[in-house]
């Protein structure tokens, strides 16, 4: 029976016993990583021999395996680490199109060859909590090894538009949920969000008349009916989840509001995900994880999968243990974390009031930092910003630094960076050639995976565990939740999509930090990244001509 790392290791979370934790991951994955039915994907025969959607290897690939034709790309001599099977050995990979055709000890012939001696070949990293999804943010995340990213916390309002806007031009794979908060803003403030997955400008527009109804009162019956229609349309258009940020309006949403909207997710067989009710520092009986438990109770009753965003506040260990236990009892549920002591709210976020900071026992001038000015804000400065520029990204130092290595080392708690994009003065997203060192925002957008790899290396946490948390476990749970395209990702196996990361286990690290000029510095130690079989990062340089990202989406449902 699997246990959390805290349970395995006792109070000193990083003191030893990590081999036990690693074996737990391998045993779990070996037992269940058929995901749907434990088939060996390489031996599946489908009616249509050209259909590769389920990971099946078409017969015509034999010509590559026989050596009659060169593979499109060969990765040679790398140490392949595949948490799905437990493989940790030197292998050569042969790739044709977007698929891994061969994983072999034999030498392979390729049109393009990537030399990987001394390096690790891992499945591409997956992030379920990325806001904005703009080209520069995706470029920054590519350098951190991310090949698939989406927003399952805020989500989007116009799901069809989200996917249409990115088709054929995205550097990485992309997905989203349909947004509870955007639906409230549309119904209660009359603002229709077009800034897909970046809510701060939308909040500013909603409050431009001096009232943010979405966060300051309960909806009327007609407004709630409109909200439900927005959510239902998002499901029809292929959203992966119902994405809520009820934690930003906890006192103005009845329990039945959340339940009724989760019921729509159940109608369409989708995930419920997001930032649930309660605030990080609230005392009993309003503790933070009570919001998770509310959503979890609804999900159990409705029989739907549940993803808990950023489980890295007070009570996180307790909640993770509950999540693990629920999974062992058959529930499709998982949690994520970003490995930083600071959060990244906007200045106008409804919970950030002087009264709340006093209630939490925090001083604004000690916890609220403006990365653009490289300074902590006084209460007067903060209140002026809240009034005049509520969309401004801030850093809120909300949790102890000593928790961060524990987040990274906890098995099966996935890494998700919660990145927030930076906007130009005219409100548009940054151009692709924007300098990394001029990016002013939370460093989690640039270096969350690099940070966990470095911390886990320094604390002797096995690579298998880190790669599992960065990639494989997200793919596994999304697949179990019905996202078919994730069933062929997160694995370095024959027949799988060739979303791959080639990394140096001895040098991979974050360079992003809170200091000026450092917020957007890219991770180093990841020389090569492949998206859908195409080399998107070569020798640590992003190839901007490679737009191999594809939509991760449920099939739209006709009216």
Protein backbone atom coordinates (compact mmCIF):
# COMPACT_ATOMS: atom_id res chain seq x y z
CA UNK A 1 0.00 0.00 0.00
CA UNK A 2 1.46 3.34 -1.07
CA UNK A 3 2.12 6.03 1.53
CA UNK A 4 3.03 9.67 1.31
CA UNK A 5 6.70 10.57 1.56
CA UNK A 6 6.03 12.20 4.92
CA UNK A 7 4.57 8.95 6.23
CA UNK A 8 7.45 6.95 4.79
CA UNK A 9 10.18 9.16 6.18
CA UNK A 10 8.73 10.56 9.35
CA UNK A 11 9.17 14.15 10.49
CA UNK A 12 12.55 14.68 8.82
CA UNK A 13 11.10 14.45 5.34
CA UNK A 14 14.41 14.29 3.49
CA UNK A 15 16.52 12.23 5.85
CA UNK A 16 16.35 8.82 4.15
CA UNK A 17 14.16 6.02 2.90
CA UNK A 18 13.81 7.49 -0.56
CA UNK A 19 14.54 4.18 -2.24
CA UNK A 20 11.32 2.94 -0.64
CA UNK A 21 9.45 5.91 -2.08
CA UNK A 22 10.92 5.27 -5.54
CA UNK A 23 9.97 1.60 -5.44
CA UNK A 24 6.44 2.60 -4.46
CA UNK A 25 6.18 4.70 -7.61
CA UNK A 26 7.54 1.96 -9.84
CA UNK A 27 5.29 -0.70 -8.30
CA UNK A 28 2.22 1.51 -8.63
CA UNK A 29 2.95 2.36 -12.23
CA UNK A 30 3.84 -1.19 -13.23
CA UNK A 31 0.54 -2.37 -11.78
CA UNK A 32 -1.73 0.30 -13.20
CA UNK A 33 -0.01 2.05 -16.09
CA UNK A 34 -2.07 0.29 -18.70
CA UNK A 35 -4.23 3.12 -17.37
CA UNK A 36 -7.43 1.98 -19.03
CA UNK A 37 -6.97 -1.76 -19.46
CA UNK A 38 -3.32 -2.73 -18.92
CA UNK A 39 -2.79 -3.55 -22.61
CA UNK A 40 0.70 -3.62 -24.03
CA UNK A 41 0.17 -0.76 -26.47
CA UNK A 42 2.77 -2.04 -28.92
CA UNK A 43 0.74 -5.21 -29.57
CA UNK A 44 -2.69 -3.62 -29.96
CA UNK A 45 -4.26 -4.31 -33.34
CA UNK A 46 -6.82 -1.73 -34.41
CA UNK A 47 -9.31 -1.91 -37.25
CA UNK A 48 -7.66 1.05 -39.01
CA UNK A 49 -3.92 0.36 -39.43
CA UNK A 50 -3.31 4.07 -39.95
CA UNK A 51 -4.85 5.05 -36.63
CA UNK A 52 -2.12 5.94 -34.15
CA UNK A 53 -4.39 7.63 -31.62
CA UNK A 54 -4.10 4.83 -29.06
CA UNK A 55 -0.37 4.34 -29.27
CA UNK A 56 -0.54 1.38 -31.64
CA UNK A 57 2.50 0.73 -33.87
CA UNK A 58 1.42 0.39 -37.53
CA UNK A 59 2.83 -2.51 -39.51
CA UNK A 60 4.69 -0.21 -41.93
CA UNK A 61 7.00 0.88 -39.09
CA UNK A 62 8.77 -2.46 -39.52
CA UNK A 63 10.80 -0.95 -42.35
CA UNK A 64 12.41 1.41 -39.85
CA UNK A 65 13.05 -1.29 -37.30
CA UNK A 66 14.64 -3.48 -39.95
CA UNK A 67 17.02 -0.69 -40.92
CA UNK A 68 15.64 -0.37 -44.46
CA UNK A 69 14.69 3.24 -43.75
CA UNK A 70 16.33 5.77 -41.41
CA UNK A 71 14.31 7.05 -38.50
CA UNK A 72 13.42 10.74 -38.66
CA UNK A 73 15.18 11.36 -35.35
CA UNK A 74 17.42 9.10 -33.30
CA UNK A 75 18.41 9.84 -29.70
CA UNK A 76 21.47 7.76 -29.02
CA UNK A 77 23.18 6.60 -25.84
CA UNK A 78 20.91 8.33 -23.35
CA UNK A 79 19.87 6.98 -19.97
CA UNK A 80 16.15 6.44 -20.46
CA UNK A 81 14.08 6.93 -17.31
CA UNK A 82 10.44 5.92 -17.72
CA UNK A 83 8.45 5.98 -14.47
CA UNK A 84 5.56 4.21 -16.20
CA UNK A 85 7.53 0.98 -16.61
CA UNK A 86 10.39 1.52 -14.18
CA UNK A 87 12.95 1.42 -17.00
CA UNK A 88 16.21 3.13 -16.03
CA UNK A 89 18.85 2.05 -18.54
CA UNK A 90 20.89 3.25 -21.49
CA UNK A 91 18.84 2.94 -24.68
CA UNK A 92 18.62 4.33 -28.19
CA UNK A 93 15.34 5.85 -29.37
CA UNK A 94 14.05 5.83 -32.95
CA UNK A 95 11.35 8.38 -33.78
CA UNK A 96 9.17 8.56 -36.89
CA UNK A 97 6.78 11.46 -37.25
CA UNK A 98 5.35 12.15 -33.81
CA UNK A 99 5.91 8.64 -32.41
CA UNK A 100 8.57 6.71 -30.55
CA UNK A 101 8.90 3.67 -32.81
CA UNK A 102 11.84 1.90 -31.19
CA UNK A 103 13.47 1.81 -27.76
CA UNK A 104 16.50 -0.41 -28.20
CA UNK A 105 19.96 -1.37 -27.03
CA UNK A 106 20.91 -1.72 -30.71
CA UNK A 107 22.43 1.08 -32.77
CA UNK A 108 19.87 2.95 -34.89
CA UNK A 109 20.16 4.95 -38.09
CA UNK A 110 18.50 8.36 -38.20
CA UNK A 111 18.21 11.36 -40.49
CA UNK A 112 18.84 13.54 -37.44
CA UNK A 113 20.85 12.24 -34.49
CA UNK A 114 20.90 13.67 -30.98
CA UNK A 115 23.88 12.46 -28.99
CA UNK A 116 22.71 11.85 -25.41
CA UNK A 117 25.63 10.07 -23.75
CA UNK A 118 25.77 11.06 -20.09
CA UNK A 119 22.29 12.60 -20.32
CA UNK A 120 18.83 11.43 -19.26
CA UNK A 121 15.97 10.98 -21.71
CA UNK A 122 12.63 11.52 -20.00
CA UNK A 123 9.01 12.07 -21.03
CA UNK A 124 8.14 15.70 -21.72
CA UNK A 125 6.95 17.60 -18.67
CA UNK A 126 3.25 18.40 -18.24
CA UNK A 127 1.85 21.46 -16.47
CA UNK A 128 -1.84 21.59 -15.53
CA UNK A 129 -1.70 25.12 -14.11
CA UNK A 130 -0.36 27.68 -16.58
CA UNK A 131 -2.12 31.01 -17.12
CA UNK A 132 -1.93 33.07 -20.28
CA UNK A 133 -0.57 30.34 -22.53
CA UNK A 134 0.97 33.13 -24.63
CA UNK A 135 3.94 32.50 -26.95
CA UNK A 136 6.64 34.01 -24.73
CA UNK A 137 5.43 32.17 -21.62
CA UNK A 138 5.41 28.93 -23.61
CA UNK A 139 8.96 29.64 -24.80
CA UNK A 140 10.08 30.16 -21.22
CA UNK A 141 8.38 26.93 -20.15
CA UNK A 142 9.96 24.98 -23.01
CA UNK A 143 13.36 25.83 -21.54
CA UNK A 144 12.05 24.29 -18.29
CA UNK A 145 11.20 21.06 -20.16
CA UNK A 146 7.43 21.60 -20.48
CA UNK A 147 5.91 20.10 -23.63
CA UNK A 148 2.21 20.25 -22.62
CA UNK A 149 0.55 22.96 -20.55
CA UNK A 150 -2.92 24.17 -19.76
CA UNK A 151 -5.03 26.15 -17.35
CA UNK A 152 -7.18 23.94 -15.16
CA UNK A 153 -7.44 26.55 -12.40
CA UNK A 154 -8.88 29.75 -13.92
CA UNK A 155 -9.60 28.20 -17.29
CA UNK A 156 -11.13 30.11 -20.20
CA UNK A 157 -14.60 31.33 -21.11
CA UNK A 158 -14.67 30.93 -24.90
CA UNK A 159 -13.25 27.45 -25.29
CA UNK A 160 -13.57 27.21 -29.06
CA UNK A 161 -11.70 30.50 -29.42
CA UNK A 162 -8.97 29.32 -27.04
CA UNK A 163 -8.22 26.37 -29.30
CA UNK A 164 -8.70 28.24 -32.58
CA UNK A 165 -6.26 30.98 -31.52
CA UNK A 166 -3.46 28.47 -30.93
CA UNK A 167 -3.95 26.00 -33.77
CA UNK A 168 -0.81 25.58 -35.84
CA UNK A 169 1.22 28.22 -34.02
CA UNK A 170 1.83 26.93 -30.49
CA UNK A 171 5.31 25.92 -29.37
CA UNK A 172 3.85 23.37 -26.94
CA UNK A 173 0.67 21.31 -26.53
CA UNK A 174 -2.20 23.23 -24.97
CA UNK A 175 -5.44 22.67 -23.07
CA UNK A 176 -7.87 24.46 -20.76
CA UNK A 177 -10.93 24.15 -18.56
CA UNK A 178 -14.07 26.27 -18.67
CA UNK A 179 -13.95 29.04 -16.08
CA UNK A 180 -16.32 29.49 -13.16
CA UNK A 181 -14.97 32.98 -12.46
CA UNK A 182 -15.19 34.14 -16.08
CA UNK A 183 -18.77 32.87 -16.20
CA UNK A 184 -19.59 34.88 -13.07
CA UNK A 185 -17.97 38.01 -14.51
CA UNK A 186 -19.87 37.58 -17.77
CA UNK A 187 -23.22 37.04 -16.05
CA UNK A 188 -22.84 39.51 -13.17
CA UNK A 189 -20.63 42.29 -14.59
CA UNK A 190 -21.35 42.00 -18.29
CA UNK A 191 -17.69 41.58 -19.24
CA UNK A 192 -17.02 38.82 -21.77
CA UNK A 193 -13.49 37.55 -21.36
CA UNK A 194 -11.37 37.39 -24.50
CA UNK A 195 -8.01 37.22 -22.67
CA UNK A 196 -8.04 33.46 -22.63
CA UNK A 197 -6.70 32.05 -19.35
CA UNK A 198 -5.37 35.37 -17.98
CA UNK A 199 -7.94 36.72 -15.57
CA UNK A 200 -6.30 39.84 -14.10
CA UNK A 201 -7.16 42.25 -16.96
CA UNK A 202 -10.69 40.83 -17.00
CA UNK A 203 -11.06 41.47 -13.27
CA UNK A 204 -9.89 45.05 -13.83
CA UNK A 205 -12.51 45.59 -16.55
CA UNK A 206 -15.21 44.07 -14.36
CA UNK A 207 -14.40 46.53 -11.58
CA UNK A 208 -13.91 49.59 -13.78
CA UNK A 209 -17.32 50.98 -12.75
CA UNK A 210 -16.42 50.71 -9.07
CA UNK A 211 -18.21 47.42 -8.45
CA UNK A 212 -16.98 43.88 -8.99
CA UNK A 213 -20.29 42.14 -8.62
CA UNK A 214 -18.76 38.71 -9.27
CA UNK A 215 -16.74 38.99 -6.03
CA UNK A 216 -19.05 41.13 -3.91
CA UNK A 217 -22.49 39.55 -3.96
CA UNK A 218 -24.45 36.40 -4.68
CA UNK A 219 -25.80 35.87 -8.21
CA UNK A 220 -29.49 36.26 -8.97
CA UNK A 221 -31.37 33.27 -10.34
CA UNK A 222 -31.11 34.66 -13.88
CA UNK A 223 -27.39 35.32 -13.49
CA UNK A 224 -26.80 31.81 -12.23
CA UNK A 225 -28.76 30.38 -15.15
CA UNK A 226 -26.47 32.32 -17.51
CA UNK A 227 -23.40 31.05 -15.67
CA UNK A 228 -24.57 27.48 -16.15
CA UNK A 229 -25.03 28.06 -19.87
CA UNK A 230 -21.47 29.36 -20.18
CA UNK A 231 -20.15 26.27 -18.37
CA UNK A 232 -22.28 23.93 -20.45
CA UNK A 233 -21.12 25.57 -23.70
CA UNK A 234 -17.52 25.20 -22.61
CA UNK A 235 -18.06 21.50 -22.08
CA UNK A 236 -19.63 21.18 -25.54
CA UNK A 237 -16.61 22.95 -27.02
CA UNK A 238 -14.17 20.43 -25.56
CA UNK A 239 -12.92 21.86 -22.25
CA UNK A 240 -11.08 19.32 -20.11
CA UNK A 241 -12.59 20.49 -16.84
CA UNK A 242 -14.89 22.73 -14.90
CA UNK A 243 -12.27 25.12 -13.48
CA UNK A 244 -13.21 27.10 -10.40
CA UNK A 245 -11.50 29.87 -8.46
CA UNK A 246 -14.16 30.01 -5.77
CA UNK A 247 -11.37 30.80 -3.31
CA UNK A 248 -11.50 34.38 -4.62
CA UNK A 249 -15.20 34.79 -3.83
CA UNK A 250 -15.73 32.32 -0.96
CA UNK A 251 -18.30 34.34 0.95
CA UNK A 252 -20.53 35.00 -2.08
CA UNK A 253 -21.07 31.53 -3.51
CA UNK A 254 -23.46 29.12 -1.82
CA UNK A 255 -22.42 25.49 -1.55
CA UNK A 256 -25.11 24.61 -4.07
CA UNK A 257 -23.48 26.91 -6.66
CA UNK A 258 -20.30 24.87 -6.68
CA UNK A 259 -22.22 21.61 -6.58
CA UNK A 260 -24.56 22.54 -9.44
CA UNK A 261 -21.64 23.53 -11.66
CA UNK A 262 -19.72 20.38 -10.79
CA UNK A 263 -22.88 18.50 -11.82
CA UNK A 264 -22.45 19.90 -15.33
CA UNK A 265 -18.94 18.47 -15.38
CA UNK A 266 -20.48 15.14 -14.39
CA UNK A 267 -23.01 15.36 -17.25
CA UNK A 268 -20.13 15.49 -19.72
CA UNK A 269 -17.78 13.12 -17.89
CA UNK A 270 -15.21 15.83 -17.20
CA UNK A 271 -12.80 16.77 -14.42
CA UNK A 272 -13.56 19.23 -11.64
CA UNK A 273 -10.46 21.30 -10.90
CA UNK A 274 -9.28 24.55 -9.44
CA UNK A 275 -8.65 26.84 -6.52
CA UNK A 276 -11.28 25.88 -4.01
CA UNK A 277 -12.93 27.76 -1.16
CA UNK A 278 -11.12 29.16 1.94
CA UNK A 279 -7.97 31.22 2.24
CA UNK A 280 -4.42 30.04 3.05
CA UNK A 281 -4.18 31.38 6.60
CA UNK A 282 -7.73 31.19 7.90
CA UNK A 283 -7.99 29.62 11.39
CA UNK A 284 -10.49 26.90 12.38
CA UNK A 285 -13.21 26.26 11.44
CA UNK A 286 -12.39 27.88 8.08
CA UNK A 287 -9.07 26.18 7.46
CA UNK A 288 -7.77 26.18 3.89
CA UNK A 289 -8.21 22.49 3.20
CA UNK A 290 -11.90 22.62 4.14
CA UNK A 291 -12.45 24.05 0.67
CA UNK A 292 -10.74 21.03 -0.86
CA UNK A 293 -12.91 18.75 1.23
CA UNK A 294 -16.09 20.48 0.04
CA UNK A 295 -15.13 19.95 -3.59
CA UNK A 296 -14.02 16.41 -2.85
CA UNK A 297 -17.32 15.49 -1.20
CA UNK A 298 -19.18 16.78 -4.27
CA UNK A 299 -16.87 14.86 -6.61
CA UNK A 300 -17.39 11.64 -4.66
CA UNK A 301 -21.14 12.07 -4.84
CA UNK A 302 -21.04 12.85 -8.56
CA UNK A 303 -18.42 10.25 -9.45
CA UNK A 304 -16.11 12.69 -11.25
CA UNK A 305 -12.33 13.13 -11.26
CA UNK A 306 -10.88 15.92 -9.12
CA UNK A 307 -7.66 17.94 -9.45
CA UNK A 308 -6.68 20.13 -6.49
CA UNK A 309 -4.70 23.20 -7.56
CA UNK A 310 -1.61 24.32 -5.60
CA UNK A 311 -1.89 22.15 -2.51
CA UNK A 312 1.02 24.00 -0.91
CA UNK A 313 -0.57 25.99 1.88
CA UNK A 314 -1.21 25.21 5.52
CA UNK A 315 -2.54 21.68 5.92
CA UNK A 316 -0.98 20.45 2.67
CA UNK A 317 0.48 17.28 4.21
CA UNK A 318 -2.87 16.27 5.69
CA UNK A 319 -4.66 16.95 2.41
CA UNK A 320 -2.14 15.02 0.34
CA UNK A 321 -2.52 12.02 2.64
CA UNK A 322 -6.30 12.20 2.16
CA UNK A 323 -5.80 12.38 -1.63
CA UNK A 324 -3.55 9.32 -1.59
CA UNK A 325 -6.05 7.39 0.50
CA UNK A 326 -8.93 8.35 -1.80
CA UNK A 327 -6.95 7.12 -4.82
CA UNK A 328 -6.26 3.82 -3.08
CA UNK A 329 -10.01 3.51 -2.63
CA UNK A 330 -10.69 4.03 -6.33
CA UNK A 331 -11.19 7.78 -6.74
CA UNK A 332 -9.51 9.60 -9.64
CA UNK A 333 -8.02 12.47 -7.67
CA UNK A 334 -4.64 14.17 -7.55
CA UNK A 335 -2.98 17.35 -6.31
CA UNK A 336 -0.33 19.75 -7.56
CA UNK A 337 2.19 22.18 -6.12
CA UNK A 338 4.51 24.94 -7.22
CA UNK A 339 7.83 24.87 -5.35
CA UNK A 340 8.10 28.44 -4.13
CA UNK A 341 7.51 30.22 -0.82
CA UNK A 342 5.72 33.12 -2.55
CA UNK A 343 2.39 33.10 -4.34
CA UNK A 344 1.52 35.43 -7.21
CA UNK A 345 -1.81 37.24 -6.81
CA UNK A 346 -2.83 40.47 -8.52
CA UNK A 347 -3.01 43.65 -6.47
CA UNK A 348 -6.78 43.75 -6.81
CA UNK A 349 -7.41 40.16 -5.70
CA UNK A 350 -10.51 40.36 -3.46
CA UNK A 351 -9.01 38.54 -0.44
CA UNK A 352 -5.99 40.87 -0.21
CA UNK A 353 -7.35 43.50 2.14
CA UNK A 354 -5.65 45.17 5.12
CA UNK A 355 -8.31 43.60 7.34
CA UNK A 356 -7.46 40.11 6.14
CA UNK A 357 -3.72 40.62 6.54
CA UNK A 358 -4.34 41.76 10.11
CA UNK A 359 -6.61 38.75 10.65
CA UNK A 360 -3.85 36.44 9.37
CA UNK A 361 -1.19 38.09 11.55
CA UNK A 362 0.82 39.33 8.56
CA UNK A 363 2.28 42.77 7.83
CA UNK A 364 1.82 43.97 4.27
CA UNK A 365 5.29 45.55 4.15
CA UNK A 366 6.83 42.17 5.03
CA UNK A 367 4.93 39.89 2.65
CA UNK A 368 3.85 41.81 -0.49
CA UNK A 369 6.60 42.33 -3.06
CA UNK A 370 6.42 44.07 -6.44
CA UNK A 371 8.92 42.37 -8.78
CA UNK A 372 8.69 45.19 -11.32
CA UNK A 373 9.92 47.69 -8.69
CA UNK A 374 12.08 45.15 -6.83
CA UNK A 375 10.67 46.21 -3.47
CA UNK A 376 8.25 45.32 -0.71
CA UNK A 377 5.22 47.59 -0.65
CA UNK A 378 4.02 49.71 2.21
CA UNK A 379 0.33 49.49 3.01
CA UNK A 380 -0.16 52.94 1.45
CA UNK A 381 1.63 51.93 -1.75
CA UNK A 382 -0.33 48.70 -1.95
CA UNK A 383 -3.70 50.39 -1.49
CA UNK A 384 -2.85 52.95 -4.18
CA UNK A 385 -1.86 50.14 -6.57
CA UNK A 386 -5.01 48.23 -5.66
CA UNK A 387 -7.05 51.26 -6.66
CA UNK A 388 -5.14 52.42 -9.75
CA UNK A 389 -3.57 49.24 -11.18
CA UNK A 390 -5.42 46.23 -9.73
CA UNK A 391 -4.17 43.93 -12.50
CA UNK A 392 -0.52 44.26 -11.33
CA UNK A 393 1.23 40.96 -10.56
CA UNK A 394 2.67 40.79 -7.03
CA UNK A 395 4.53 38.25 -4.94
CA UNK A 396 2.98 37.23 -1.64
CA UNK A 397 5.36 35.41 0.69
CA UNK A 398 2.73 33.19 2.22
CA UNK A 399 4.49 29.98 3.30
CA UNK A 400 7.69 28.80 5.01
CA UNK A 401 10.72 28.27 2.78
CA UNK A 402 11.44 24.94 4.48
CA UNK A 403 8.30 23.48 2.90
CA UNK A 404 9.67 23.90 -0.62
CA UNK A 405 12.03 20.87 -0.73
CA UNK A 406 9.28 18.78 0.84
CA UNK A 407 6.89 19.74 -1.99
CA UNK A 408 9.46 18.59 -4.56
CA UNK A 409 10.16 15.28 -2.80
CA UNK A 410 6.58 14.16 -2.17
CA UNK A 411 5.67 11.24 -4.47
CA UNK A 412 2.77 11.74 -6.88
CA UNK A 413 2.23 15.43 -6.09
CA UNK A 414 2.72 16.94 -9.51
CA UNK A 415 4.70 20.07 -10.35
CA UNK A 416 2.57 22.86 -11.84
CA UNK A 417 4.04 26.34 -12.04
CA UNK A 418 0.96 28.64 -11.87
CA UNK A 419 2.74 31.01 -14.29
CA UNK A 420 1.26 34.45 -14.89
CA UNK A 421 2.13 36.19 -18.16
CA UNK A 422 3.65 39.65 -18.35
CA UNK A 423 1.83 42.17 -20.53
CA UNK A 424 3.14 45.07 -22.58
CA UNK A 425 2.00 48.62 -21.84
CA UNK A 426 -0.76 48.31 -24.44
CA UNK A 427 -2.12 45.22 -22.69
CA UNK A 428 -0.92 42.73 -25.31
CA UNK A 429 1.23 39.68 -24.70
CA UNK A 430 5.00 39.88 -25.06
CA UNK A 431 6.71 39.14 -28.40
CA UNK A 432 8.66 35.92 -28.71
CA UNK A 433 12.01 37.75 -28.89
CA UNK A 434 11.46 39.53 -25.57
CA UNK A 435 14.63 39.23 -23.42
CA UNK A 436 14.39 36.68 -20.62
CA UNK A 437 16.21 39.02 -18.23
CA UNK A 438 13.60 41.76 -18.71
CA UNK A 439 10.68 39.55 -17.75
CA UNK A 440 9.25 40.80 -14.45
CA UNK A 441 7.01 38.33 -12.68
CA UNK A 442 7.03 35.30 -10.46
CA UNK A 443 10.12 33.13 -11.13
CA UNK A 444 7.95 30.01 -10.92
CA UNK A 445 7.04 30.61 -14.57
CA UNK A 446 10.62 30.03 -15.69
CA UNK A 447 12.15 27.61 -13.22
CA UNK A 448 9.76 25.37 -11.30
CA UNK A 449 10.96 22.08 -12.79
CA UNK A 450 14.60 23.16 -12.68
CA UNK A 451 14.20 24.05 -9.01
CA UNK A 452 12.71 20.67 -8.08
CA UNK A 453 15.39 18.79 -10.00
CA UNK A 454 18.13 20.76 -8.21
CA UNK A 455 16.60 20.41 -4.74
CA UNK A 456 15.92 16.71 -5.20
CA UNK A 457 19.47 16.13 -6.45
CA UNK A 458 20.88 17.94 -3.41
CA UNK A 459 18.66 15.88 -1.11
CA UNK A 460 19.34 12.52 -2.82
CA UNK A 461 15.79 12.13 -4.07
CA UNK A 462 15.71 9.63 -6.96
CA UNK A 463 15.39 10.97 -10.51
CA UNK A 464 12.55 8.50 -11.07
CA UNK A 465 10.45 10.32 -8.49
CA UNK A 466 11.20 13.79 -9.86
CA UNK A 467 10.39 12.78 -13.44
CA UNK A 468 7.21 11.07 -12.27
CA UNK A 469 6.07 14.28 -10.58
CA UNK A 470 7.09 16.44 -13.55
CA UNK A 471 5.44 14.33 -16.24
CA UNK A 472 4.24 10.79 -15.85
CA UNK A 473 1.81 11.17 -12.99
CA UNK A 474 -0.02 14.06 -14.66
CA UNK A 475 -0.37 12.03 -17.86
CA UNK A 476 -1.55 9.03 -15.89
CA UNK A 477 -4.26 10.89 -13.99
CA UNK A 478 -5.46 12.92 -16.98
CA UNK A 479 -5.72 9.68 -18.94
CA UNK A 480 -7.68 8.00 -16.16
CA UNK A 481 -9.92 11.09 -16.13
CA UNK A 482 -10.80 10.46 -19.77
CA UNK A 483 -8.35 12.71 -21.62
CA UNK A 484 -7.43 10.27 -24.37
CA UNK A 485 -4.50 12.29 -25.78
CA UNK A 486 -2.73 12.00 -22.45
CA UNK A 487 -2.84 8.20 -22.58
CA UNK A 488 0.02 8.31 -25.09
CA UNK A 489 2.12 10.92 -23.30
CA UNK A 490 4.24 10.84 -20.15
CA UNK A 491 5.99 7.60 -21.18
CA UNK A 492 9.20 6.75 -23.00
CA UNK A 493 7.86 3.63 -24.66
CA UNK A 494 7.33 2.32 -28.17
CA UNK A 495 4.16 3.71 -29.69
CA UNK A 496 3.99 6.78 -27.44
CA UNK A 497 4.00 10.40 -28.63
CA UNK A 498 7.57 11.69 -28.83
CA UNK A 499 7.22 14.53 -26.34
CA UNK A 500 10.66 14.17 -24.77
CA UNK A 501 13.18 15.98 -22.61
CA UNK A 502 16.93 15.37 -22.72
CA UNK A 503 18.50 16.64 -19.51
CA UNK A 504 21.77 16.60 -17.60
CA UNK A 505 20.99 15.14 -14.17
CA UNK A 506 24.14 16.69 -12.65
CA UNK A 507 23.58 20.27 -13.80
CA UNK A 508 19.86 20.82 -14.36
CA UNK A 509 18.75 23.75 -12.22
CA UNK A 510 16.64 26.87 -12.09
CA UNK A 511 18.23 30.27 -12.65
CA UNK A 512 15.07 32.28 -12.10
CA UNK A 513 14.84 34.06 -8.75
CA UNK A 514 12.99 36.90 -7.08
CA UNK A 515 15.75 39.45 -7.76
CA UNK A 516 15.73 42.06 -10.55
CA UNK A 517 16.73 40.73 -13.94
CA UNK A 518 16.36 37.14 -12.71
CA UNK A 519 12.59 36.50 -12.73
CA UNK A 520 12.57 35.00 -16.22
CA UNK A 521 16.01 33.46 -16.52
CA UNK A 522 15.61 30.04 -18.15
CA UNK A 523 16.48 26.71 -16.61
CA UNK A 524 19.82 25.25 -17.66
CA UNK A 525 20.78 21.59 -17.98
CA UNK A 526 18.02 20.80 -20.52
CA UNK A 527 19.83 20.91 -23.87
CA UNK A 528 17.11 19.29 -26.00
CA UNK A 529 13.31 19.13 -25.98
CA UNK A 530 11.10 17.39 -28.53
CA UNK A 531 7.42 18.20 -29.06
CA UNK A 532 5.48 15.71 -31.19
CA UNK A 533 8.74 14.30 -32.50
CA UNK A 534 10.11 17.66 -33.63
CA UNK A 535 13.20 19.17 -32.02
CA UNK A 536 11.81 22.30 -30.38
CA UNK A 537 14.89 23.05 -28.26
CA UNK A 538 18.31 22.22 -29.62
CA UNK A 539 21.48 22.89 -27.62
CA UNK A 540 19.41 25.00 -25.19
CA UNK A 541 18.06 27.27 -27.94
CA UNK A 542 14.34 27.35 -28.73
CA UNK A 543 13.66 26.87 -32.45
CA UNK A 544 10.91 29.42 -33.08
CA UNK A 545 10.10 27.87 -36.44
CA UNK A 546 8.96 24.66 -34.77
CA UNK A 547 5.29 25.07 -33.89
CA UNK A 548 4.55 21.45 -33.08
CA UNK A 549 2.09 21.98 -30.23
CA UNK A 550 -1.30 20.34 -30.66
CA UNK A 551 -4.64 20.70 -28.93
CA UNK A 552 -5.37 18.44 -25.95
CA UNK A 553 -9.15 18.56 -26.10
CA UNK A 554 -12.32 16.56 -25.83
CA UNK A 555 -14.19 16.16 -29.09
CA UNK A 556 -16.65 19.06 -29.40
CA UNK A 557 -20.31 18.12 -28.97
CA UNK A 558 -22.84 19.46 -31.48
CA UNK A 559 -25.93 21.21 -30.15
